[in-house]
Amino acid sequence: LQPTPPPTPDAGPPPAPTEAVPPGNPLPFPLPSVGPGYRRSSEPR
């Protein structure tokens, strides 16, 4: 029997979805669905 390999560092909590970002925080990219706090983050000019 071989010892079980240690858990890889990649095995961690899944990244939170972009839609879960609270209003007011800068988004990495504009979302197709504009929310109540989207314009506050980045106003389209």
N, C-alpha and C. Protein backbone atom coordinates (compact mmCIF):
# COMPACT_ATOMS: atom_id res chain seq x y z
N LEU A 1 0.84 -1.21 0.00
CA LEU A 1 0.00 0.00 0.00
C LEU A 1 0.87 1.26 0.00
N GLN A 2 0.57 2.17 -0.88
CA GLN A 2 1.35 3.42 -0.93
C GLN A 2 0.65 4.50 -0.12
N PRO A 3 1.43 5.36 0.54
CA PRO A 3 0.83 6.45 1.33
C PRO A 3 0.04 7.40 0.44
N THR A 4 -1.06 7.87 0.98
CA THR A 4 -1.89 8.78 0.16
C THR A 4 -1.14 10.10 -0.04
N PRO A 5 -1.13 10.62 -1.26
CA PRO A 5 -0.42 11.87 -1.55
C PRO A 5 -1.06 13.05 -0.80
N PRO A 6 -0.25 14.01 -0.38
CA PRO A 6 -0.80 15.18 0.33
C PRO A 6 -1.70 15.98 -0.59
N PRO A 7 -2.68 16.66 -0.04
CA PRO A 7 -3.61 17.45 -0.87
C PRO A 7 -2.85 18.55 -1.62
N THR A 8 -3.16 18.70 -2.89
CA THR A 8 -2.48 19.73 -3.70
C THR A 8 -2.95 21.12 -3.26
N PRO A 9 -2.07 22.11 -3.37
CA PRO A 9 -2.44 23.48 -2.97
C PRO A 9 -3.62 24.01 -3.78
N ASP A 10 -3.82 23.43 -4.97
CA ASP A 10 -4.94 23.88 -5.80
C ASP A 10 -6.28 23.52 -5.18
N ALA A 11 -6.27 22.49 -4.31
CA ALA A 11 -7.53 22.08 -3.70
C ALA A 11 -7.91 23.06 -2.60
N GLY A 12 -8.77 24.01 -2.94
CA GLY A 12 -9.18 25.02 -1.96
C GLY A 12 -10.61 25.44 -2.23
N PRO A 13 -11.08 26.41 -1.50
CA PRO A 13 -12.47 26.87 -1.69
C PRO A 13 -12.63 27.45 -3.08
N PRO A 14 -13.74 27.16 -3.75
CA PRO A 14 -13.96 27.68 -5.11
C PRO A 14 -14.06 29.21 -5.09
N PRO A 15 -13.55 29.88 -6.12
CA PRO A 15 -13.63 31.35 -6.16
C PRO A 15 -15.07 31.83 -6.21
N ALA A 16 -15.35 32.90 -5.52
CA ALA A 16 -16.72 33.42 -5.49
C ALA A 16 -17.10 33.94 -6.88
N PRO A 17 -18.35 33.73 -7.29
CA PRO A 17 -18.78 34.23 -8.61
C PRO A 17 -18.69 35.75 -8.67
N THR A 18 -18.48 36.27 -9.87
CA THR A 18 -18.33 37.73 -10.03
C THR A 18 -19.61 38.45 -9.63
N GLU A 19 -20.76 37.77 -9.80
CA GLU A 19 -22.04 38.42 -9.49
C GLU A 19 -22.20 38.64 -7.99
N ALA A 20 -21.37 37.95 -7.19
CA ALA A 20 -21.51 38.06 -5.74
C ALA A 20 -20.76 39.27 -5.20
N VAL A 21 -20.09 40.02 -6.09
CA VAL A 21 -19.34 41.19 -5.64
C VAL A 21 -20.32 42.24 -5.13
N PRO A 22 -20.11 42.75 -3.91
CA PRO A 22 -21.01 43.75 -3.35
C PRO A 22 -20.97 45.04 -4.16
N PRO A 23 -22.08 45.79 -4.22
CA PRO A 23 -22.11 47.03 -4.99
C PRO A 23 -21.08 48.03 -4.46
N GLY A 24 -20.42 48.73 -5.38
CA GLY A 24 -19.44 49.73 -4.95
C GLY A 24 -18.03 49.24 -5.20
N ASN A 25 -17.84 47.91 -5.27
CA ASN A 25 -16.49 47.39 -5.53
C ASN A 25 -16.21 47.37 -7.02
N PRO A 26 -14.98 47.69 -7.42
CA PRO A 26 -14.64 47.66 -8.85
C PRO A 26 -14.72 46.25 -9.40
N LEU A 27 -15.36 46.08 -10.54
CA LEU A 27 -15.50 44.76 -11.14
C LEU A 27 -14.38 44.55 -12.14
N PRO A 28 -13.90 43.30 -12.26
CA PRO A 28 -12.83 42.98 -13.22
C PRO A 28 -13.27 43.25 -14.66
N PHE A 29 -14.56 43.09 -14.92
CA PHE A 29 -15.06 43.35 -16.27
C PHE A 29 -16.56 43.63 -16.18
N PRO A 30 -17.09 44.42 -17.10
CA PRO A 30 -18.53 44.76 -17.05
C PRO A 30 -19.40 43.52 -17.20
N LEU A 31 -20.41 43.40 -16.37
CA LEU A 31 -21.32 42.25 -16.45
C LEU A 31 -22.45 42.56 -17.41
N PRO A 32 -22.96 41.52 -18.10
CA PRO A 32 -24.08 41.72 -19.03
C PRO A 32 -25.31 42.23 -18.31
N SER A 33 -25.50 41.80 -17.07
CA SER A 33 -26.68 42.24 -16.32
C SER A 33 -26.30 43.41 -15.42
N VAL A 34 -26.75 44.60 -15.78
CA VAL A 34 -26.39 45.79 -14.99
C VAL A 34 -27.17 45.79 -13.69
N GLY A 35 -26.46 45.94 -12.57
CA GLY A 35 -27.12 45.91 -11.26
C GLY A 35 -27.25 47.32 -10.69
N PRO A 36 -27.86 47.44 -9.50
CA PRO A 36 -28.07 48.75 -8.87
C PRO A 36 -26.76 49.44 -8.50
N GLY A 37 -25.68 48.67 -8.34
CA GLY A 37 -24.42 49.27 -7.92
C GLY A 37 -23.37 49.22 -9.01
N TYR A 38 -23.82 48.93 -10.24
CA TYR A 38 -22.84 48.78 -11.34
C TYR A 38 -22.31 50.14 -11.78
N ARG A 39 -23.23 51.12 -11.96
CA ARG A 39 -22.79 52.43 -12.44
C ARG A 39 -21.89 53.11 -11.42
N ARG A 40 -22.11 52.80 -10.14
CA ARG A 40 -21.28 53.41 -9.10
C ARG A 40 -19.84 52.90 -9.20
N SER A 41 -19.70 51.62 -9.62
CA SER A 41 -18.36 51.04 -9.72
C SER A 41 -17.61 51.65 -10.91
N SER A 42 -18.22 51.60 -12.08
CA SER A 42 -17.58 52.15 -13.27
C SER A 42 -18.65 52.80 -14.14
N GLU A 43 -18.65 54.12 -14.19
CA GLU A 43 -19.66 54.82 -14.98
C GLU A 43 -19.26 54.82 -16.45
N PRO A 44 -20.15 54.34 -17.32
CA PRO A 44 -19.84 54.34 -18.76
C PRO A 44 -19.75 55.76 -19.29
N ARG A 45 -18.66 56.09 -19.98
CA ARG A 45 -18.52 57.45 -20.49
C ARG A 45 -18.40 57.37 -22.00
